[in-house]
Amino acid sequence: MVTLHEDEIELDLPLVRRLIDSSFPHLGNQPLRPLDAGGSTNILFRLGDDLLVRLPRQRGGSANIDKEAQWLSLVAAASPVAVPKIIAIGEPDLGFPERWVIMNWIAGKTPGLASADHNSSTADDLAIDLANFIKALGELEVPADALTDPLLSHYRSESLVSIDADIRSYLDDCRRLHGLDLDLDRCQKVWEAAIALPDSAEPATARWLHGDLLAENLLVQNGRLAAVVDFDCLSVGDPTVDLVIAWELLNPPSRELFRSLLEVDDVTWIRGRAWALAIALMTFPYYWQTMPERCAARLAMARAVLAEAPPLLDNG
């Protein structure tokens, strides 16, 4: 397995097999195999036909499992599409230092990016389904204890201004990357225009947000959104960051449909676009060598942002 982090926990198939057999011996007869999909936070294994085993790559990953155990069922009850269901939680054992989780298997495939669906009604269908999911999260009541739960606090639920220094640092890092074909000067102008908007430092009304609503965390079946997965960034705060999927997955016409369905005003749309750019910029320096497919997807997203940005930014 590819190592993505300096502090990555050592993990292989035999260890996962032993963890399962030790903690859940009734599943010991189920075949186990690693999955290529797993993102950068977790490693995934298919267990039998109906189960998925997810283990954190880094120390501290137990916190995300605790969060999902507390709140994911609430999100699932409101979601118009499937979200993962926790079946069992494994405790640290056999030298593996974090809790890990067994979830239900959800069938589907990762959707193609905007360029692949540019002339297809599929993009419009996905725009509708994504808008419905975001609406459902936005309308879901935020309990009082969720507002004070530290596990539901995440930088992606805060204002753009709160990460300004970090994004400027990532821009500098990106300028040193060999082969990154992206207009970084224009990226900086788009970013600065967004954080200069009135009230950019003020938090929005607290709402539920996924926090990492990108194609790699979606499953589709027959061209429609079937599931949203990976709730590691589930948070309560400003949900603007969930708009980023519009620039990664949707073509311009379907992006406009998505925006109209959510009734997003100009200022919020500009901030959503800046979030898409920010997530791309922070991806390149860290994953340029280890996750080329992710970087390619983020590059397409950043270019979509620049293609949409108003021409006046060229002079501002």
Protein backbone atom coordinates (compact mmCIF):
# COMPACT_ATOMS: atom_id res chain seq x y z
CA MET A 1 0.00 0.00 0.00
CA VAL A 2 1.20 3.49 -0.83
CA THR A 3 2.38 5.52 2.16
CA LEU A 4 0.87 9.01 2.12
CA HIS A 5 1.91 10.46 5.47
CA GLU A 6 5.12 10.55 7.48
CA ASP A 7 3.21 9.38 10.57
CA GLU A 8 1.24 6.66 8.79
CA ILE A 9 0.34 3.59 10.85
CA GLU A 10 1.76 0.34 9.52
CA LEU A 11 -1.10 -1.81 8.26
CA ASP A 12 -1.45 -4.78 5.96
CA LEU A 13 -3.98 -7.44 5.03
CA PRO A 14 -2.79 -10.07 7.56
CA LEU A 15 -3.09 -7.57 10.43
CA VAL A 16 -6.61 -6.54 9.38
CA ARG A 17 -7.57 -10.21 9.16
CA ARG A 18 -6.28 -10.80 12.70
CA LEU A 19 -8.07 -7.71 14.03
CA ILE A 20 -11.36 -8.93 12.62
CA ASP A 21 -10.88 -12.49 13.81
CA SER A 22 -9.96 -11.29 17.31
CA SER A 23 -12.73 -8.72 17.75
CA PHE A 24 -15.50 -10.25 15.68
CA PRO A 25 -14.88 -13.99 15.39
CA HIS A 26 -18.32 -14.55 13.84
CA LEU A 27 -16.96 -12.72 10.74
CA GLY A 28 -13.83 -14.83 10.55
CA ASN A 29 -15.14 -16.88 7.63
CA GLN A 30 -15.81 -13.81 5.48
CA PRO A 31 -13.27 -13.21 2.67
CA LEU A 32 -11.23 -10.03 2.99
CA ARG A 33 -9.55 -8.01 0.26
CA PRO A 34 -8.05 -4.50 0.05
CA LEU A 35 -9.71 -1.80 -2.04
CA ASP A 36 -7.84 0.71 -4.18
CA ALA A 37 -10.28 3.43 -3.13
CA GLY A 38 -9.64 4.70 0.35
CA GLY A 39 -8.71 8.32 0.14
CA SER A 40 -5.96 9.82 2.22
CA THR A 41 -7.47 9.42 5.68
CA ASN A 42 -8.50 5.76 5.77
CA ILE A 43 -7.60 2.38 4.29
CA LEU A 44 -10.53 0.28 3.10
CA PHE A 45 -11.10 -3.46 2.85
CA ARG A 46 -14.07 -5.35 1.45
CA LEU A 47 -15.33 -7.97 3.89
CA GLY A 48 -17.56 -10.56 2.28
CA ASP A 49 -20.31 -9.25 0.04
CA ASP A 50 -22.02 -6.86 2.42
CA LEU A 51 -19.40 -5.21 4.63
CA LEU A 52 -16.62 -2.62 4.45
CA VAL A 53 -13.75 -2.32 6.94
CA ARG A 54 -12.31 1.15 7.38
CA LEU A 55 -9.15 1.84 9.37
CA PRO A 56 -7.48 5.22 10.02
CA ARG A 57 -4.11 5.80 8.38
CA GLN A 58 -2.84 8.08 11.15
CA ARG A 59 -2.91 8.37 14.91
CA GLY A 60 -5.89 10.32 16.16
CA GLY A 61 -8.22 8.76 13.61
CA SER A 62 -10.39 7.34 16.39
CA ALA A 63 -11.91 10.81 16.80
CA ASN A 64 -13.59 10.63 13.41
CA ILE A 65 -15.05 7.24 14.25
CA ASP A 66 -16.37 8.62 17.53
CA LYS A 67 -17.95 11.51 15.64
CA GLU A 68 -19.65 9.26 13.12
CA ALA A 69 -20.87 6.93 15.86
CA GLN A 70 -22.50 9.90 17.55
CA TRP A 71 -23.95 11.78 14.58
CA LEU A 72 -24.05 9.76 11.38
CA SER A 73 -27.42 8.15 12.06
CA LEU A 74 -28.95 11.62 12.41
CA VAL A 75 -27.56 12.64 9.01
CA ALA A 76 -28.64 9.34 7.46
CA ALA A 77 -32.23 9.82 8.55
CA ALA A 78 -32.41 13.14 6.69
CA SER A 79 -30.35 12.25 3.62
CA PRO A 80 -32.14 11.61 0.31
CA VAL A 81 -29.35 9.19 -0.69
CA ALA A 82 -27.57 6.41 1.16
CA VAL A 83 -24.86 7.17 3.69
CA PRO A 84 -22.73 4.53 5.43
CA LYS A 85 -24.10 2.73 8.46
CA ILE A 86 -21.83 1.63 11.29
CA ILE A 87 -22.18 -2.08 11.97
CA ALA A 88 -19.45 -2.50 14.57
CA ILE A 89 -16.50 -0.61 16.06
CA GLY A 90 -13.22 -2.36 16.75
CA GLU A 91 -10.99 -1.23 19.60
CA PRO A 92 -7.19 -0.81 19.43
CA ASP A 93 -5.60 -4.24 19.43
CA LEU A 94 -2.63 -6.26 18.18
CA GLY A 95 -0.45 -3.15 17.98
CA PHE A 96 -2.95 -1.14 15.92
CA PRO A 97 -3.42 2.01 18.06
CA GLU A 98 -6.77 3.36 16.86
CA ARG A 99 -10.40 2.36 16.78
CA TRP A 100 -11.64 1.08 13.44
CA VAL A 101 -15.04 0.44 12.00
CA ILE A 102 -17.07 -2.09 10.03
CA MET A 103 -19.75 -0.50 7.86
CA ASN A 104 -22.30 -1.68 5.34
CA TRP A 105 -21.15 -2.03 1.74
CA ILE A 106 -22.84 0.41 -0.67
CA ALA A 107 -22.76 -0.46 -4.35
CA GLY A 108 -21.86 2.19 -6.91
CA LYS A 109 -18.96 3.84 -8.69
CA THR A 110 -17.18 7.16 -8.42
CA PRO A 111 -18.66 9.63 -10.93
CA GLY A 112 -16.65 10.95 -13.84
CA LEU A 113 -15.48 14.54 -13.71
CA ALA A 114 -17.07 17.46 -15.55
CA SER A 115 -15.23 16.99 -18.84
CA ALA A 116 -16.46 13.43 -19.18
CA ASP A 117 -20.13 14.41 -18.86
CA HIS A 118 -20.02 17.78 -20.63
CA ASN A 119 -22.58 16.87 -23.29
CA SER A 120 -24.67 14.53 -21.19
CA SER A 121 -27.87 14.89 -19.21
CA THR A 122 -26.05 12.94 -16.50
CA ALA A 123 -24.51 16.16 -15.22
CA ASP A 124 -27.95 17.76 -14.80
CA ASP A 125 -29.20 14.70 -12.92
CA LEU A 126 -26.21 14.87 -10.61
CA ALA A 127 -26.72 18.61 -10.12
CA ILE A 128 -30.27 17.93 -8.95
CA ASP A 129 -29.25 15.07 -6.67
CA LEU A 130 -26.36 17.00 -5.13
CA ALA A 131 -28.53 20.04 -4.54
CA ASN A 132 -31.11 17.85 -2.81
CA PHE A 133 -28.46 16.36 -0.54
CA ILE A 134 -27.07 19.78 0.42
CA LYS A 135 -30.59 21.09 1.02
CA ALA A 136 -31.34 18.15 3.29
CA LEU A 137 -28.22 18.83 5.35
CA GLY A 138 -29.02 22.53 5.50
CA GLU A 139 -32.55 21.89 6.74
CA LEU A 140 -31.49 19.33 9.34
CA GLU A 141 -31.87 20.68 12.85
CA VAL A 142 -28.60 21.27 14.70
CA PRO A 143 -29.02 20.04 18.29
CA ALA A 144 -27.61 22.15 21.08
CA ASP A 145 -25.02 19.52 21.97
CA ALA A 146 -23.82 19.47 18.34
CA LEU A 147 -23.06 23.18 18.55
CA THR A 148 -20.68 22.53 21.44
CA ASP A 149 -19.20 19.22 20.28
CA PRO A 150 -15.49 19.82 19.54
CA LEU A 151 -15.48 16.90 17.10
CA LEU A 152 -17.86 18.89 14.88
CA SER A 153 -15.50 21.86 14.65
CA HIS A 154 -13.39 21.91 11.49
CA TYR A 155 -11.49 24.56 9.55
CA ARG A 156 -13.71 23.91 6.53
CA SER A 157 -16.72 25.08 8.51
CA GLU A 158 -15.12 28.45 9.24
CA SER A 159 -14.63 31.62 7.19
CA LEU A 160 -12.22 32.00 4.28
CA VAL A 161 -10.32 34.67 6.18
CA SER A 162 -9.44 32.15 8.89
CA ILE A 163 -7.31 30.18 6.38
CA ASP A 164 -5.91 33.11 4.40
CA ALA A 165 -2.35 32.76 5.69
CA ASP A 166 -2.38 29.02 4.98
CA ILE A 167 -3.62 29.46 1.40
CA ARG A 168 -0.96 32.07 0.67
CA SER A 169 1.64 29.61 1.96
CA TYR A 170 0.23 26.87 -0.27
CA LEU A 171 0.41 29.23 -3.23
CA ASP A 172 4.11 29.70 -2.55
CA ASP A 173 4.57 25.94 -2.32
CA CYS A 174 2.72 25.45 -5.60
CA ARG A 175 5.04 27.87 -7.38
CA ARG A 176 7.89 25.49 -6.59
CA LEU A 177 6.17 22.41 -8.01
CA HIS A 178 7.59 21.15 -11.27
CA GLY A 179 4.95 20.53 -13.90
CA LEU A 180 1.96 22.24 -12.27
CA ASP A 181 0.26 23.84 -15.27
CA LEU A 182 -1.94 26.37 -13.49
CA ASP A 183 -2.08 30.17 -13.58
CA LEU A 184 -1.13 30.77 -9.96
CA ASP A 185 -1.11 34.56 -10.30
CA ARG A 186 -4.74 34.44 -11.35
CA CYS A 187 -5.46 31.98 -8.54
CA GLN A 188 -4.12 34.54 -6.09
CA LYS A 189 -6.33 37.29 -7.57
CA VAL A 190 -9.44 35.11 -7.33
CA TRP A 191 -8.61 34.25 -3.74
CA GLU A 192 -7.91 37.84 -2.71
CA ALA A 193 -11.14 39.04 -4.32
CA ALA A 194 -13.11 36.48 -2.32
CA ILE A 195 -11.63 37.29 1.08
CA ALA A 196 -12.11 41.01 0.42
CA LEU A 197 -15.89 40.59 0.21
CA PRO A 198 -17.92 42.27 2.97
CA ASP A 199 -18.34 40.16 6.11
CA SER A 200 -15.92 37.51 4.86
CA ALA A 201 -14.63 37.06 8.39
CA GLU A 202 -18.12 36.66 9.90
CA PRO A 203 -19.46 33.13 10.48
CA ALA A 204 -22.69 32.13 8.77
CA THR A 205 -25.62 30.61 10.65
CA ALA A 206 -24.44 27.21 11.84
CA ARG A 207 -25.62 24.36 9.63
CA TRP A 208 -24.59 20.76 9.04
CA LEU A 209 -22.02 20.27 6.30
CA HIS A 210 -20.22 17.29 4.83
CA GLY A 211 -16.97 19.21 4.49
CA ASP A 212 -15.37 17.03 1.80
CA LEU A 213 -18.09 16.85 -0.85
CA LEU A 214 -15.91 15.80 -3.76
CA ALA A 215 -16.29 13.17 -6.46
CA GLU A 216 -14.11 10.64 -4.66
CA ASN A 217 -16.65 10.63 -1.81
CA LEU A 218 -19.69 10.03 -4.02
CA LEU A 219 -21.18 6.87 -5.50
CA VAL A 220 -23.46 6.84 -8.53
CA GLN A 221 -25.69 4.21 -10.06
CA ASN A 222 -27.26 4.58 -13.51
CA GLY A 223 -26.15 8.20 -13.68
CA ARG A 224 -27.84 9.23 -10.42
CA LEU A 225 -26.29 9.94 -7.04
CA ALA A 226 -26.65 6.79 -4.95
CA ALA A 227 -24.61 7.59 -1.86
CA VAL A 228 -22.39 10.10 -0.11
CA VAL A 229 -19.57 8.54 1.90
CA ASP A 230 -16.59 9.50 4.08
CA PHE A 231 -17.94 11.83 6.76
CA ASP A 232 -14.56 12.46 8.42
CA CYS A 233 -15.06 16.21 7.89
CA LEU A 234 -18.69 16.28 9.07
CA SER A 235 -19.07 19.60 10.85
CA VAL A 236 -21.43 22.28 12.06
CA GLY A 237 -20.78 25.80 10.84
CA ASP A 238 -20.70 27.65 7.53
CA PRO A 239 -21.75 25.14 4.81
CA THR A 240 -20.34 27.12 1.87
CA VAL A 241 -17.49 24.65 1.36
CA ASP A 242 -19.97 22.00 0.18
CA LEU A 243 -20.46 24.02 -3.01
CA VAL A 244 -17.01 22.96 -4.25
CA ILE A 245 -18.43 19.90 -5.99
CA ALA A 246 -19.94 22.24 -8.60
CA TRP A 247 -16.51 23.00 -10.05
CA GLU A 248 -15.14 19.48 -9.85
CA LEU A 249 -18.06 17.40 -11.09
CA LEU A 250 -20.47 19.65 -12.99
CA ASN A 251 -20.16 21.31 -16.40
CA PRO A 252 -21.11 25.01 -16.71
CA PRO A 253 -24.81 24.50 -17.57
CA SER A 254 -25.35 21.92 -14.82
CA ARG A 255 -23.40 24.14 -12.44
CA GLU A 256 -25.90 26.92 -13.07
CA LEU A 257 -28.75 24.49 -12.48
CA PHE A 258 -27.15 23.41 -9.20
CA ARG A 259 -26.78 27.04 -8.13
CA SER A 260 -30.37 27.93 -9.02
CA LEU A 261 -31.76 24.94 -7.13
CA LEU A 262 -29.87 26.00 -4.02
CA GLU A 263 -30.72 29.70 -4.57
CA VAL A 264 -27.11 30.70 -3.92
CA ASP A 265 -26.48 34.46 -3.94
CA ASP A 266 -23.48 36.04 -5.69
CA VAL A 267 -21.36 36.51 -2.58
CA THR A 268 -21.84 32.94 -1.37
CA TRP A 269 -21.11 31.60 -4.86
CA ILE A 270 -17.83 33.54 -5.01
CA ARG A 271 -16.88 32.15 -1.61
CA GLY A 272 -17.75 28.63 -2.73
CA ARG A 273 -15.55 29.09 -5.77
CA ALA A 274 -12.72 30.29 -3.53
CA TRP A 275 -13.14 27.19 -1.36
CA ALA A 276 -12.78 25.02 -4.47
CA LEU A 277 -9.58 26.84 -5.34
CA ALA A 278 -8.29 26.57 -1.77
CA ILE A 279 -8.84 22.81 -1.60
CA ALA A 280 -7.00 22.40 -4.89
CA LEU A 281 -4.06 24.53 -3.79
CA MET A 282 -3.61 22.66 -0.52
CA THR A 283 -3.74 19.31 -2.35
CA PHE A 284 -0.91 19.86 -4.84
CA PRO A 285 2.11 20.32 -2.52
CA TYR A 286 1.16 17.42 -0.22
CA TYR A 287 0.01 14.80 -2.74
CA TRP A 288 1.86 15.76 -5.94
CA GLN A 289 4.03 12.63 -5.87
CA THR A 290 1.76 10.17 -4.07
CA MET A 291 -1.78 10.77 -5.39
CA PRO A 292 -1.56 11.86 -9.04
CA GLU A 293 -5.22 11.05 -9.76
CA ARG A 294 -6.40 13.25 -6.91
CA CYS A 295 -4.11 16.05 -8.07
CA ALA A 296 -5.45 15.74 -11.62
CA ALA A 297 -9.01 16.06 -10.34
CA ARG A 298 -8.10 19.10 -8.23
CA LEU A 299 -6.29 20.66 -11.18
CA ALA A 300 -9.41 20.30 -13.33
CA MET A 301 -11.41 21.87 -10.50
CA ALA A 302 -9.03 24.81 -10.17
CA ARG A 303 -9.11 25.41 -13.91
CA ALA A 304 -12.92 25.38 -13.84
CA VAL A 305 -12.78 28.05 -11.12
CA LEU A 306 -10.47 30.24 -13.19
CA ALA A 307 -12.61 29.78 -16.31
CA GLU A 308 -15.66 31.05 -14.45
CA ALA A 309 -14.02 33.88 -12.52
CA PRO A 310 -15.11 37.36 -13.71
CA PRO A 311 -12.71 38.99 -16.23
CA LEU A 312 -12.45 42.08 -14.03
CA LEU A 313 -10.21 40.06 -11.70
CA ASP A 314 -7.53 40.22 -14.37
CA ASN A 315 -7.21 43.91 -13.69
CA GLY A 316 -7.83 43.93 -9.97
